[in-house]
N, C-alpha and C. Protein backbone atom coordinates (compact mmCIF):
# COMPACT_ATOMS: atom_id res chain seq x y z
N MET A 1 2.52 19.68 -34.19
CA MET A 1 2.31 18.46 -33.41
C MET A 1 0.95 17.85 -33.70
N ASN A 2 0.38 18.20 -34.83
CA ASN A 2 -0.96 17.78 -35.16
C ASN A 2 -1.11 16.26 -35.14
N GLY A 3 -1.96 15.76 -34.22
CA GLY A 3 -2.24 14.34 -34.13
C GLY A 3 -1.26 13.55 -33.30
N THR A 4 -0.15 14.14 -32.87
CA THR A 4 0.84 13.45 -32.04
C THR A 4 0.21 13.03 -30.71
N VAL A 5 0.46 11.80 -30.29
CA VAL A 5 -0.09 11.30 -29.02
C VAL A 5 1.00 11.39 -27.96
N ILE A 6 0.73 12.16 -26.92
CA ILE A 6 1.71 12.44 -25.88
C ILE A 6 1.17 12.01 -24.53
N VAL A 7 1.99 11.32 -23.75
CA VAL A 7 1.69 11.05 -22.35
C VAL A 7 2.51 12.00 -21.49
N VAL A 8 1.85 12.67 -20.56
CA VAL A 8 2.52 13.55 -19.62
C VAL A 8 2.31 12.99 -18.22
N THR A 9 3.39 12.58 -17.55
CA THR A 9 3.25 12.15 -16.17
C THR A 9 3.39 13.37 -15.26
N GLY A 10 2.79 13.29 -14.07
CA GLY A 10 2.75 14.48 -13.23
C GLY A 10 1.93 15.58 -13.88
N ALA A 11 0.89 15.17 -14.60
CA ALA A 11 0.15 16.10 -15.46
C ALA A 11 -0.68 17.12 -14.72
N LEU A 12 -0.96 16.89 -13.44
CA LEU A 12 -1.81 17.81 -12.70
C LEU A 12 -1.03 18.86 -11.93
N GLY A 13 0.30 18.84 -12.04
CA GLY A 13 1.12 19.88 -11.45
C GLY A 13 1.25 21.07 -12.38
N ALA A 14 1.92 22.11 -11.91
CA ALA A 14 2.03 23.36 -12.68
C ALA A 14 2.71 23.15 -14.02
N LEU A 15 3.84 22.44 -14.04
CA LEU A 15 4.54 22.21 -15.30
C LEU A 15 3.76 21.26 -16.19
N GLY A 16 3.22 20.20 -15.62
CA GLY A 16 2.44 19.25 -16.40
C GLY A 16 1.27 19.90 -17.10
N ARG A 17 0.58 20.78 -16.39
CA ARG A 17 -0.57 21.48 -17.00
C ARG A 17 -0.11 22.38 -18.14
N SER A 18 1.00 23.07 -17.96
CA SER A 18 1.50 23.94 -19.03
C SER A 18 1.85 23.13 -20.27
N VAL A 19 2.54 22.02 -20.08
CA VAL A 19 2.90 21.17 -21.21
C VAL A 19 1.65 20.68 -21.93
N ALA A 20 0.68 20.19 -21.16
CA ALA A 20 -0.54 19.65 -21.76
C ALA A 20 -1.31 20.71 -22.53
N GLU A 21 -1.46 21.90 -21.96
CA GLU A 21 -2.25 22.94 -22.61
C GLU A 21 -1.59 23.42 -23.90
N ILE A 22 -0.28 23.60 -23.88
CA ILE A 22 0.41 24.04 -25.09
C ILE A 22 0.35 22.96 -26.16
N ALA A 23 0.56 21.72 -25.77
CA ALA A 23 0.51 20.61 -26.73
C ALA A 23 -0.88 20.51 -27.37
N LEU A 24 -1.91 20.61 -26.56
CA LEU A 24 -3.28 20.56 -27.09
C LEU A 24 -3.54 21.70 -28.07
N ALA A 25 -3.05 22.88 -27.74
CA ALA A 25 -3.25 24.04 -28.60
C ALA A 25 -2.57 23.86 -29.95
N ARG A 26 -1.56 22.99 -30.00
CA ARG A 26 -0.84 22.74 -31.25
C ARG A 26 -1.31 21.49 -31.95
N GLY A 27 -2.44 20.95 -31.51
CA GLY A 27 -3.05 19.84 -32.22
C GLY A 27 -2.69 18.46 -31.74
N ALA A 28 -1.93 18.36 -30.65
CA ALA A 28 -1.58 17.04 -30.12
C ALA A 28 -2.77 16.44 -29.38
N ARG A 29 -2.71 15.13 -29.20
CA ARG A 29 -3.65 14.43 -28.32
C ARG A 29 -2.88 14.04 -27.07
N VAL A 30 -3.43 14.37 -25.91
CA VAL A 30 -2.66 14.31 -24.67
C VAL A 30 -3.34 13.44 -23.63
N ALA A 31 -2.54 12.57 -23.03
CA ALA A 31 -2.98 11.78 -21.88
C ALA A 31 -2.19 12.22 -20.66
N GLY A 32 -2.89 12.64 -19.63
CA GLY A 32 -2.24 13.01 -18.39
C GLY A 32 -2.31 11.87 -17.39
N VAL A 33 -1.18 11.55 -16.78
CA VAL A 33 -1.11 10.49 -15.77
C VAL A 33 -0.61 11.12 -14.48
N ASP A 34 -1.32 10.86 -13.37
CA ASP A 34 -0.92 11.50 -12.12
C ASP A 34 -1.33 10.64 -10.93
N HIS A 35 -0.62 10.83 -9.83
CA HIS A 35 -0.98 10.15 -8.58
C HIS A 35 -2.28 10.71 -8.02
N ALA A 36 -2.52 12.00 -8.24
CA ALA A 36 -3.78 12.62 -7.81
C ALA A 36 -4.93 12.12 -8.68
N GLN A 37 -6.13 12.34 -8.20
CA GLN A 37 -7.30 11.89 -8.94
C GLN A 37 -7.55 12.75 -10.17
N ALA A 38 -8.00 12.14 -11.25
CA ALA A 38 -8.30 12.85 -12.48
C ALA A 38 -9.38 13.90 -12.23
N GLN A 39 -9.27 15.01 -12.96
CA GLN A 39 -10.18 16.12 -12.75
C GLN A 39 -11.04 16.45 -13.95
N LEU A 40 -10.66 15.97 -15.13
CA LEU A 40 -11.39 16.33 -16.34
C LEU A 40 -11.96 15.09 -17.02
N PRO A 41 -13.15 15.21 -17.62
CA PRO A 41 -13.70 14.07 -18.38
C PRO A 41 -12.91 13.85 -19.66
N ALA A 42 -12.93 12.64 -20.15
CA ALA A 42 -12.22 12.31 -21.38
C ALA A 42 -12.87 12.96 -22.58
N THR A 43 -12.05 13.40 -23.53
CA THR A 43 -12.53 13.93 -24.81
C THR A 43 -11.77 13.20 -25.91
N ASP A 44 -12.06 13.56 -27.15
CA ASP A 44 -11.35 12.93 -28.26
C ASP A 44 -9.86 13.23 -28.24
N ASP A 45 -9.50 14.38 -27.66
CA ASP A 45 -8.10 14.82 -27.69
C ASP A 45 -7.38 14.71 -26.36
N ARG A 46 -8.14 14.46 -25.28
CA ARG A 46 -7.50 14.51 -23.96
C ARG A 46 -8.13 13.51 -23.00
N ILE A 47 -7.27 12.79 -22.27
CA ILE A 47 -7.75 11.94 -21.19
C ILE A 47 -6.83 12.14 -19.99
N GLU A 48 -7.39 11.93 -18.82
CA GLU A 48 -6.61 11.96 -17.59
C GLU A 48 -6.77 10.64 -16.86
N LEU A 49 -5.65 10.06 -16.44
CA LEU A 49 -5.66 8.84 -15.65
C LEU A 49 -5.11 9.19 -14.27
N GLY A 50 -6.00 9.23 -13.29
CA GLY A 50 -5.60 9.60 -11.94
C GLY A 50 -5.44 8.39 -11.03
N GLY A 51 -4.86 8.63 -9.86
CA GLY A 51 -4.67 7.57 -8.90
C GLY A 51 -3.64 6.54 -9.31
N VAL A 52 -2.70 6.93 -10.16
CA VAL A 52 -1.69 6.00 -10.68
C VAL A 52 -0.38 6.19 -9.91
N ASP A 53 0.11 5.13 -9.30
CA ASP A 53 1.39 5.15 -8.60
C ASP A 53 2.47 4.64 -9.55
N LEU A 54 3.21 5.56 -10.15
CA LEU A 54 4.21 5.18 -11.15
C LEU A 54 5.43 4.52 -10.54
N SER A 55 5.54 4.53 -9.23
CA SER A 55 6.63 3.78 -8.61
C SER A 55 6.35 2.28 -8.63
N ASP A 56 5.14 1.90 -8.97
CA ASP A 56 4.74 0.51 -9.14
C ASP A 56 4.77 0.19 -10.64
N ALA A 57 5.63 -0.71 -11.04
CA ALA A 57 5.82 -1.00 -12.46
C ALA A 57 4.54 -1.48 -13.14
N GLU A 58 3.75 -2.27 -12.44
CA GLU A 58 2.52 -2.79 -13.04
C GLU A 58 1.49 -1.68 -13.25
N GLN A 59 1.39 -0.76 -12.28
CA GLN A 59 0.46 0.36 -12.46
C GLN A 59 0.92 1.25 -13.61
N ALA A 60 2.22 1.46 -13.73
CA ALA A 60 2.74 2.26 -14.83
C ALA A 60 2.40 1.61 -16.17
N LYS A 61 2.60 0.31 -16.28
CA LYS A 61 2.32 -0.40 -17.53
C LYS A 61 0.83 -0.36 -17.86
N THR A 62 -0.01 -0.56 -16.85
CA THR A 62 -1.45 -0.54 -17.08
C THR A 62 -1.89 0.82 -17.61
N ALA A 63 -1.36 1.90 -17.02
CA ALA A 63 -1.74 3.24 -17.45
C ALA A 63 -1.26 3.53 -18.87
N ILE A 64 0.00 3.24 -19.16
CA ILE A 64 0.54 3.53 -20.49
C ILE A 64 -0.16 2.69 -21.55
N ASP A 65 -0.41 1.43 -21.26
CA ASP A 65 -1.12 0.58 -22.22
C ASP A 65 -2.53 1.09 -22.47
N ALA A 66 -3.17 1.63 -21.43
CA ALA A 66 -4.53 2.17 -21.58
C ALA A 66 -4.52 3.39 -22.51
N VAL A 67 -3.49 4.22 -22.40
CA VAL A 67 -3.38 5.38 -23.29
C VAL A 67 -3.21 4.92 -24.73
N ALA A 68 -2.31 3.97 -24.95
CA ALA A 68 -2.06 3.48 -26.31
C ALA A 68 -3.32 2.84 -26.90
N ALA A 69 -4.08 2.16 -26.06
CA ALA A 69 -5.31 1.54 -26.54
C ALA A 69 -6.36 2.61 -26.87
N HIS A 70 -6.42 3.64 -26.06
CA HIS A 70 -7.42 4.71 -26.26
C HIS A 70 -7.17 5.47 -27.55
N PHE A 71 -5.90 5.85 -27.80
CA PHE A 71 -5.59 6.67 -28.96
C PHE A 71 -5.10 5.87 -30.16
N GLY A 72 -4.79 4.59 -29.94
CA GLY A 72 -4.34 3.75 -31.04
C GLY A 72 -2.84 3.72 -31.23
N ARG A 73 -2.13 4.57 -30.52
CA ARG A 73 -0.67 4.59 -30.61
C ARG A 73 -0.12 5.52 -29.53
N LEU A 74 1.21 5.60 -29.48
CA LEU A 74 1.88 6.51 -28.55
C LEU A 74 3.12 7.03 -29.24
N ASP A 75 3.31 8.35 -29.23
CA ASP A 75 4.45 8.97 -29.91
C ASP A 75 5.48 9.58 -28.96
N ALA A 76 5.04 10.05 -27.82
CA ALA A 76 5.97 10.73 -26.92
C ALA A 76 5.57 10.53 -25.46
N LEU A 77 6.58 10.38 -24.63
CA LEU A 77 6.40 10.29 -23.18
C LEU A 77 7.19 11.43 -22.54
N ILE A 78 6.52 12.21 -21.71
CA ILE A 78 7.16 13.31 -21.00
C ILE A 78 7.08 13.01 -19.52
N ASN A 79 8.23 12.72 -18.92
CA ASN A 79 8.30 12.31 -17.52
C ASN A 79 8.50 13.53 -16.62
N ILE A 80 7.40 14.03 -16.06
CA ILE A 80 7.46 15.18 -15.16
C ILE A 80 7.23 14.77 -13.71
N ALA A 81 6.57 13.66 -13.48
CA ALA A 81 6.27 13.22 -12.11
C ALA A 81 7.54 13.19 -11.27
N GLY A 82 7.44 13.69 -10.04
CA GLY A 82 8.60 13.71 -9.16
C GLY A 82 8.33 14.55 -7.93
N GLY A 83 9.38 14.87 -7.21
CA GLY A 83 9.21 15.64 -5.99
C GLY A 83 10.52 16.20 -5.51
N PHE A 84 10.46 16.97 -4.41
CA PHE A 84 11.64 17.62 -3.85
C PHE A 84 11.62 17.51 -2.34
N ALA A 85 12.78 17.31 -1.77
CA ALA A 85 12.94 17.35 -0.31
C ALA A 85 14.32 17.92 -0.01
N PHE A 86 14.38 18.76 1.01
CA PHE A 86 15.62 19.40 1.43
C PHE A 86 16.08 18.73 2.71
N GLU A 87 17.30 18.20 2.70
CA GLU A 87 17.80 17.53 3.90
C GLU A 87 19.32 17.44 3.89
N ALA A 88 19.94 17.71 5.03
CA ALA A 88 21.39 17.59 5.15
C ALA A 88 21.82 16.15 5.00
N ALA A 89 22.94 15.94 4.35
CA ALA A 89 23.40 14.59 4.07
C ALA A 89 23.93 13.87 5.30
N ALA A 90 24.58 14.62 6.21
CA ALA A 90 25.29 13.97 7.30
C ALA A 90 24.39 13.45 8.41
N ASP A 91 23.30 14.16 8.69
CA ASP A 91 22.52 13.80 9.87
C ASP A 91 21.02 13.73 9.63
N GLY A 92 20.59 13.62 8.40
CA GLY A 92 19.16 13.59 8.11
C GLY A 92 18.59 12.18 8.18
N ASP A 93 17.33 12.09 7.84
CA ASP A 93 16.62 10.81 7.83
C ASP A 93 16.93 10.08 6.52
N GLY A 94 17.49 8.92 6.63
CA GLY A 94 17.85 8.17 5.44
C GLY A 94 16.68 7.84 4.54
N SER A 95 15.47 7.83 5.08
CA SER A 95 14.30 7.51 4.26
C SER A 95 14.06 8.56 3.18
N VAL A 96 14.54 9.79 3.41
CA VAL A 96 14.36 10.85 2.41
C VAL A 96 15.11 10.52 1.13
N TRP A 97 16.29 9.91 1.28
CA TRP A 97 17.04 9.50 0.09
C TRP A 97 16.26 8.48 -0.73
N GLN A 98 15.64 7.52 -0.05
CA GLN A 98 14.85 6.51 -0.76
C GLN A 98 13.62 7.14 -1.39
N LYS A 99 13.00 8.09 -0.68
CA LYS A 99 11.81 8.76 -1.21
C LYS A 99 12.14 9.51 -2.49
N MET A 100 13.24 10.26 -2.49
CA MET A 100 13.63 11.00 -3.69
C MET A 100 13.98 10.05 -4.84
N HIS A 101 14.69 8.98 -4.53
CA HIS A 101 15.03 7.97 -5.54
C HIS A 101 13.75 7.41 -6.18
N THR A 102 12.78 7.10 -5.35
CA THR A 102 11.53 6.52 -5.85
C THR A 102 10.73 7.53 -6.67
N MET A 103 10.57 8.74 -6.13
CA MET A 103 9.72 9.74 -6.79
C MET A 103 10.31 10.24 -8.10
N ASN A 104 11.62 10.40 -8.15
CA ASN A 104 12.23 11.03 -9.32
C ASN A 104 12.81 10.04 -10.33
N LEU A 105 13.48 9.01 -9.85
CA LEU A 105 14.08 8.04 -10.78
C LEU A 105 13.15 6.90 -11.12
N VAL A 106 12.62 6.23 -10.11
CA VAL A 106 11.84 5.01 -10.37
C VAL A 106 10.59 5.30 -11.19
N THR A 107 9.93 6.42 -10.93
CA THR A 107 8.74 6.75 -11.72
C THR A 107 9.10 6.93 -13.19
N ALA A 108 10.20 7.63 -13.46
CA ALA A 108 10.62 7.84 -14.86
C ALA A 108 11.03 6.52 -15.50
N LEU A 109 11.73 5.68 -14.75
CA LEU A 109 12.15 4.39 -15.28
C LEU A 109 10.95 3.51 -15.61
N ASN A 110 10.00 3.41 -14.70
CA ASN A 110 8.83 2.55 -14.93
C ASN A 110 7.99 3.05 -16.09
N ALA A 111 7.76 4.36 -16.16
CA ALA A 111 6.97 4.90 -17.26
C ALA A 111 7.68 4.68 -18.59
N SER A 112 8.98 4.86 -18.60
CA SER A 112 9.75 4.68 -19.84
C SER A 112 9.71 3.22 -20.30
N ARG A 113 9.94 2.31 -19.37
CA ARG A 113 9.88 0.89 -19.73
C ARG A 113 8.52 0.50 -20.29
N ALA A 114 7.46 1.05 -19.70
CA ALA A 114 6.12 0.74 -20.17
C ALA A 114 5.85 1.34 -21.55
N ALA A 115 6.42 2.51 -21.81
CA ALA A 115 6.13 3.22 -23.06
C ALA A 115 6.98 2.74 -24.23
N ILE A 116 8.17 2.26 -23.97
CA ILE A 116 9.11 1.94 -25.05
C ILE A 116 8.54 1.00 -26.11
N PRO A 117 7.84 -0.08 -25.76
CA PRO A 117 7.29 -0.93 -26.84
C PRO A 117 6.36 -0.17 -27.78
N HIS A 118 5.60 0.77 -27.24
CA HIS A 118 4.70 1.58 -28.07
C HIS A 118 5.48 2.63 -28.86
N LEU A 119 6.43 3.31 -28.20
CA LEU A 119 7.20 4.35 -28.87
C LEU A 119 8.04 3.78 -30.00
N ALA A 120 8.51 2.56 -29.85
CA ALA A 120 9.34 1.94 -30.88
C ALA A 120 8.56 1.69 -32.17
N ARG A 121 7.24 1.66 -32.07
CA ARG A 121 6.40 1.46 -33.25
C ARG A 121 6.03 2.79 -33.91
N SER A 122 6.34 3.90 -33.26
CA SER A 122 6.07 5.22 -33.83
C SER A 122 7.20 5.62 -34.76
N ASN A 123 6.87 6.45 -35.73
CA ASN A 123 7.92 6.98 -36.61
C ASN A 123 8.71 8.10 -35.95
N SER A 124 8.22 8.55 -34.78
CA SER A 124 8.89 9.67 -34.10
C SER A 124 8.80 9.48 -32.59
N GLY A 125 9.24 8.33 -32.11
CA GLY A 125 9.19 8.05 -30.68
C GLY A 125 10.09 8.98 -29.89
N ARG A 126 9.56 9.54 -28.83
CA ARG A 126 10.29 10.52 -28.03
C ARG A 126 10.08 10.24 -26.54
N ILE A 127 11.16 10.39 -25.76
CA ILE A 127 11.06 10.45 -24.31
C ILE A 127 11.76 11.72 -23.87
N VAL A 128 11.09 12.51 -23.04
CA VAL A 128 11.69 13.72 -22.47
C VAL A 128 11.58 13.62 -20.96
N ASN A 129 12.72 13.64 -20.29
CA ASN A 129 12.76 13.59 -18.83
C ASN A 129 13.03 14.97 -18.25
N VAL A 130 12.71 15.12 -16.97
CA VAL A 130 13.00 16.37 -16.27
C VAL A 130 14.09 16.09 -15.23
N GLY A 131 15.29 16.58 -15.50
CA GLY A 131 16.38 16.50 -14.55
C GLY A 131 16.43 17.77 -13.73
N ALA A 132 17.64 18.26 -13.44
CA ALA A 132 17.76 19.47 -12.64
C ALA A 132 19.16 20.05 -12.77
N ILE A 133 19.26 21.35 -12.92
CA ILE A 133 20.56 22.00 -12.88
C ILE A 133 21.22 21.74 -11.53
N GLY A 134 20.42 21.72 -10.46
CA GLY A 134 20.95 21.48 -9.13
C GLY A 134 21.58 20.11 -8.95
N ALA A 135 21.38 19.22 -9.90
CA ALA A 135 22.00 17.90 -9.82
C ALA A 135 23.39 17.88 -10.43
N LEU A 136 23.79 18.96 -11.09
CA LEU A 136 25.12 19.02 -11.68
C LEU A 136 26.17 19.28 -10.61
N GLN A 137 25.79 20.04 -9.59
CA GLN A 137 26.66 20.26 -8.42
C GLN A 137 25.75 20.52 -7.23
N ALA A 138 25.68 19.58 -6.34
CA ALA A 138 24.74 19.67 -5.22
C ALA A 138 25.23 20.66 -4.17
N GLY A 139 24.30 21.50 -3.71
CA GLY A 139 24.59 22.39 -2.60
C GLY A 139 24.20 21.76 -1.28
N ALA A 140 24.41 22.49 -0.19
CA ALA A 140 24.05 22.01 1.14
C ALA A 140 22.56 21.70 1.21
N GLY A 141 22.23 20.56 1.73
CA GLY A 141 20.83 20.15 1.87
C GLY A 141 20.20 19.60 0.61
N MET A 142 20.97 19.58 -0.46
CA MET A 142 20.41 19.15 -1.75
C MET A 142 20.78 17.72 -2.11
N GLY A 143 21.48 17.03 -1.21
CA GLY A 143 21.99 15.70 -1.54
C GLY A 143 20.97 14.71 -2.05
N PRO A 144 19.87 14.45 -1.31
CA PRO A 144 18.92 13.44 -1.77
C PRO A 144 18.28 13.79 -3.11
N TYR A 145 17.87 15.04 -3.25
CA TYR A 145 17.23 15.47 -4.50
C TYR A 145 18.22 15.43 -5.66
N ALA A 146 19.42 16.00 -5.44
CA ALA A 146 20.41 16.05 -6.51
C ALA A 146 20.83 14.66 -6.95
N ALA A 147 20.99 13.75 -5.99
CA ALA A 147 21.38 12.38 -6.34
C ALA A 147 20.32 11.71 -7.20
N SER A 148 19.07 11.92 -6.85
CA SER A 148 18.00 11.28 -7.62
C SER A 148 17.89 11.87 -9.02
N LYS A 149 18.07 13.18 -9.14
CA LYS A 149 18.00 13.80 -10.46
C LYS A 149 19.24 13.50 -11.30
N ALA A 150 20.39 13.36 -10.65
CA ALA A 150 21.58 12.92 -11.39
C ALA A 150 21.35 11.53 -11.97
N ALA A 151 20.64 10.70 -11.22
CA ALA A 151 20.30 9.37 -11.74
C ALA A 151 19.38 9.47 -12.94
N VAL A 152 18.48 10.45 -12.94
CA VAL A 152 17.62 10.67 -14.12
C VAL A 152 18.47 11.06 -15.32
N HIS A 153 19.51 11.87 -15.09
CA HIS A 153 20.41 12.24 -16.18
C HIS A 153 21.07 10.99 -16.79
N ARG A 154 21.56 10.12 -15.92
CA ARG A 154 22.23 8.91 -16.40
C ARG A 154 21.24 7.97 -17.09
N LEU A 155 20.02 7.89 -16.57
CA LEU A 155 18.97 7.09 -17.23
C LEU A 155 18.72 7.62 -18.63
N THR A 156 18.65 8.92 -18.76
CA THR A 156 18.43 9.55 -20.07
C THR A 156 19.51 9.15 -21.06
N GLU A 157 20.76 9.24 -20.62
CA GLU A 157 21.87 8.90 -21.51
C GLU A 157 21.87 7.42 -21.88
N ALA A 158 21.58 6.57 -20.90
CA ALA A 158 21.58 5.13 -21.18
C ALA A 158 20.48 4.75 -22.16
N LEU A 159 19.27 5.26 -21.94
CA LEU A 159 18.17 4.95 -22.85
C LEU A 159 18.43 5.50 -24.25
N ALA A 160 19.02 6.69 -24.31
CA ALA A 160 19.33 7.27 -25.62
C ALA A 160 20.28 6.37 -26.40
N ALA A 161 21.29 5.83 -25.71
CA ALA A 161 22.25 4.95 -26.37
C ALA A 161 21.61 3.63 -26.78
N GLU A 162 20.75 3.10 -25.92
CA GLU A 162 20.13 1.80 -26.18
C GLU A 162 19.11 1.86 -27.32
N TRP A 163 18.47 3.03 -27.50
CA TRP A 163 17.39 3.12 -28.48
C TRP A 163 17.70 4.09 -29.62
N LYS A 164 18.98 4.39 -29.79
CA LYS A 164 19.37 5.31 -30.84
C LYS A 164 18.91 4.80 -32.20
N GLY A 165 18.33 5.70 -32.97
CA GLY A 165 17.80 5.33 -34.27
C GLY A 165 16.34 4.93 -34.25
N LYS A 166 15.78 4.70 -33.05
CA LYS A 166 14.38 4.32 -32.92
C LYS A 166 13.59 5.28 -32.04
N ILE A 167 14.19 5.69 -30.91
CA ILE A 167 13.53 6.60 -29.98
C ILE A 167 14.56 7.62 -29.53
N THR A 168 14.22 8.90 -29.58
CA THR A 168 15.12 9.89 -29.01
C THR A 168 14.78 10.06 -27.53
N VAL A 169 15.82 10.24 -26.72
CA VAL A 169 15.65 10.38 -25.27
C VAL A 169 16.51 11.55 -24.80
N ASN A 170 15.87 12.56 -24.26
CA ASN A 170 16.56 13.76 -23.82
C ASN A 170 16.02 14.21 -22.47
N ALA A 171 16.71 15.15 -21.84
CA ALA A 171 16.24 15.69 -20.57
C ALA A 171 16.42 17.20 -20.55
N VAL A 172 15.49 17.88 -19.93
CA VAL A 172 15.64 19.30 -19.61
C VAL A 172 16.12 19.41 -18.17
N LEU A 173 16.97 20.40 -17.92
CA LEU A 173 17.53 20.61 -16.59
C LEU A 173 17.15 22.00 -16.11
N PRO A 174 15.99 22.15 -15.48
CA PRO A 174 15.57 23.48 -15.03
C PRO A 174 16.29 23.91 -13.76
N SER A 175 16.31 25.22 -13.56
CA SER A 175 16.65 25.77 -12.25
C SER A 175 15.34 25.78 -11.44
N ILE A 176 15.15 26.73 -10.58
CA ILE A 176 13.89 26.79 -9.82
C ILE A 176 12.77 27.19 -10.76
N ILE A 177 11.68 26.43 -10.74
CA ILE A 177 10.52 26.71 -11.59
C ILE A 177 9.57 27.63 -10.84
N ASP A 178 9.05 28.63 -11.52
CA ASP A 178 8.17 29.62 -10.91
C ASP A 178 6.77 29.05 -10.74
N THR A 179 6.55 28.38 -9.61
CA THR A 179 5.24 27.82 -9.28
C THR A 179 4.74 28.41 -7.97
N ALA A 180 3.46 28.26 -7.72
CA ALA A 180 2.88 28.77 -6.48
C ALA A 180 3.53 28.11 -5.26
N ALA A 181 3.79 26.83 -5.36
CA ALA A 181 4.41 26.10 -4.24
C ALA A 181 5.80 26.62 -3.95
N ASN A 182 6.60 26.86 -5.00
CA ASN A 182 7.96 27.37 -4.79
C ASN A 182 7.95 28.80 -4.26
N ARG A 183 7.01 29.60 -4.71
CA ARG A 183 6.90 30.96 -4.17
C ARG A 183 6.55 30.94 -2.68
N ALA A 184 5.67 30.02 -2.30
CA ALA A 184 5.27 29.93 -0.91
C ALA A 184 6.42 29.48 -0.02
N SER A 185 7.27 28.59 -0.53
CA SER A 185 8.38 28.07 0.28
C SER A 185 9.58 29.01 0.31
N MET A 186 9.67 29.92 -0.67
CA MET A 186 10.78 30.88 -0.73
C MET A 186 10.24 32.28 -1.00
N PRO A 187 9.47 32.83 -0.05
CA PRO A 187 8.76 34.09 -0.30
C PRO A 187 9.65 35.31 -0.53
N LYS A 188 10.92 35.25 -0.11
CA LYS A 188 11.81 36.40 -0.26
C LYS A 188 12.67 36.32 -1.51
N ALA A 189 12.48 35.30 -2.31
CA ALA A 189 13.28 35.12 -3.52
C ALA A 189 12.84 36.10 -4.61
N ASP A 190 13.71 36.29 -5.59
CA ASP A 190 13.38 37.12 -6.75
C ASP A 190 12.74 36.21 -7.80
N PHE A 191 11.41 36.19 -7.82
CA PHE A 191 10.68 35.27 -8.70
C PHE A 191 10.96 35.54 -10.19
N ASP A 192 11.33 36.77 -10.52
CA ASP A 192 11.56 37.11 -11.92
C ASP A 192 12.74 36.35 -12.51
N LYS A 193 13.62 35.84 -11.64
CA LYS A 193 14.79 35.11 -12.13
C LYS A 193 14.49 33.64 -12.39
N TRP A 194 13.37 33.17 -11.90
CA TRP A 194 13.04 31.75 -12.04
C TRP A 194 12.51 31.44 -13.44
N VAL A 195 12.71 30.21 -13.87
CA VAL A 195 12.17 29.80 -15.17
C VAL A 195 10.66 29.59 -15.05
N LYS A 196 9.92 30.11 -16.01
CA LYS A 196 8.47 29.99 -16.01
C LYS A 196 8.06 28.61 -16.54
N PRO A 197 6.97 28.05 -16.02
CA PRO A 197 6.52 26.75 -16.54
C PRO A 197 6.33 26.75 -18.05
N GLN A 198 5.81 27.85 -18.58
CA GLN A 198 5.56 27.92 -20.03
C GLN A 198 6.87 27.89 -20.82
N GLU A 199 7.91 28.55 -20.28
CA GLU A 199 9.21 28.54 -20.95
C GLU A 199 9.80 27.13 -20.99
N LEU A 200 9.71 26.45 -19.87
CA LEU A 200 10.23 25.08 -19.80
C LEU A 200 9.40 24.16 -20.68
N ALA A 201 8.09 24.37 -20.71
CA ALA A 201 7.21 23.55 -21.55
C ALA A 201 7.58 23.67 -23.02
N GLU A 202 7.97 24.87 -23.45
CA GLU A 202 8.35 25.07 -24.85
C GLU A 202 9.56 24.21 -25.22
N VAL A 203 10.54 24.14 -24.33
CA VAL A 203 11.73 23.33 -24.61
C VAL A 203 11.37 21.85 -24.62
N ILE A 204 10.55 21.45 -23.66
CA ILE A 204 10.11 20.05 -23.61
C ILE A 204 9.39 19.65 -24.89
N LEU A 205 8.48 20.50 -25.34
CA LEU A 205 7.70 20.15 -26.52
C LEU A 205 8.53 20.22 -27.80
N PHE A 206 9.55 21.06 -27.82
CA PHE A 206 10.49 21.01 -28.95
C PHE A 206 11.15 19.64 -29.01
N LEU A 207 11.63 19.16 -27.87
CA LEU A 207 12.30 17.86 -27.84
C LEU A 207 11.35 16.72 -28.18
N ALA A 208 10.05 16.92 -27.96
CA ALA A 208 9.05 15.90 -28.29
C ALA A 208 8.57 16.00 -29.73
N SER A 209 9.06 16.98 -30.46
CA SER A 209 8.55 17.25 -31.81
C SER A 209 9.44 16.63 -32.89
N ASP A 210 8.93 16.66 -34.12
CA ASP A 210 9.71 16.18 -35.27
C ASP A 210 10.94 17.05 -35.50
N ALA A 211 10.88 18.32 -35.10
CA ALA A 211 12.00 19.23 -35.31
C ALA A 211 13.24 18.79 -34.55
N ALA A 212 13.06 17.99 -33.49
CA ALA A 212 14.19 17.54 -32.67
C ALA A 212 14.62 16.12 -33.00
N SER A 213 14.34 15.67 -34.21
CA SER A 213 14.64 14.28 -34.58
C SER A 213 16.13 13.96 -34.52
N GLY A 214 16.98 14.97 -34.63
CA GLY A 214 18.41 14.73 -34.60
C GLY A 214 19.04 14.90 -33.23
N VAL A 215 18.22 15.10 -32.21
CA VAL A 215 18.74 15.34 -30.87
C VAL A 215 18.42 14.15 -29.97
N THR A 216 19.43 13.52 -29.41
CA THR A 216 19.19 12.45 -28.44
C THR A 216 20.36 12.36 -27.48
N GLY A 217 20.07 11.99 -26.24
CA GLY A 217 21.09 11.92 -25.21
C GLY A 217 21.49 13.26 -24.66
N ALA A 218 20.73 14.32 -24.95
CA ALA A 218 21.10 15.67 -24.53
C ALA A 218 20.52 16.00 -23.15
N LEU A 219 21.30 16.73 -22.37
CA LEU A 219 20.85 17.26 -21.08
C LEU A 219 20.87 18.78 -21.23
N ILE A 220 19.71 19.38 -21.36
CA ILE A 220 19.62 20.78 -21.76
C ILE A 220 19.25 21.66 -20.59
N PRO A 221 20.17 22.52 -20.13
CA PRO A 221 19.85 23.44 -19.03
C PRO A 221 18.80 24.47 -19.46
N VAL A 222 17.86 24.73 -18.56
CA VAL A 222 16.86 25.77 -18.78
C VAL A 222 16.85 26.60 -17.50
N ALA A 223 17.71 27.61 -17.47
CA ALA A 223 18.07 28.25 -16.20
C ALA A 223 17.29 29.52 -15.89
N GLY A 224 16.38 29.93 -16.73
CA GLY A 224 15.68 31.17 -16.46
C GLY A 224 16.62 32.36 -16.55
N ARG A 225 16.59 33.22 -15.55
CA ARG A 225 17.39 34.44 -15.60
C ARG A 225 18.36 34.52 -14.43
N VAL A 226 18.75 33.37 -13.92
CA VAL A 226 19.67 33.33 -12.78
C VAL A 226 21.05 33.81 -13.20
């Protein structure tokens, strides 16, 4: 990935950090975009853009354009920004459905729209989204989250069809990711069965690499040891 310019949204979370660190170790130049405030100073190989609300199309465009201007181009966009909420479908707060739609679908859509003009000029334009295995068949309380991630799956397929031959667009579908937050919320679970951030990052970065030039429109389960 030597010299590849990658934008990682949700870069300050556990998965985002893993993706960024592995990409940097392989010679990529990485821009992290997050709603939280940036934590690291800019270097030749890495910048962080904090305080960005990707649910706002103009903020997304401003951030992505700033990355392209800083590095001179953009080769890959990795859409990790998102969130989770558990709520019963029949009697919950309807606002949770809108929140999940905004956090998981709209952020990916806005970032992708902003990045596509830059990615189309790259010889290896890539978009990698994060869907969810849980969106393939929703369980109890998973309706809002599963619906929003299923929409990410459909977005992935639509963009792949629209940009075939110019930009590859794929998604990883993880099960539960082994993060500190997930361990805290499910303390009695068997953490060894969960997919590790580093394992998921490896699949993401494969899809963002030249080696995956023939893969587009794919929804790839990354289920850990469940």
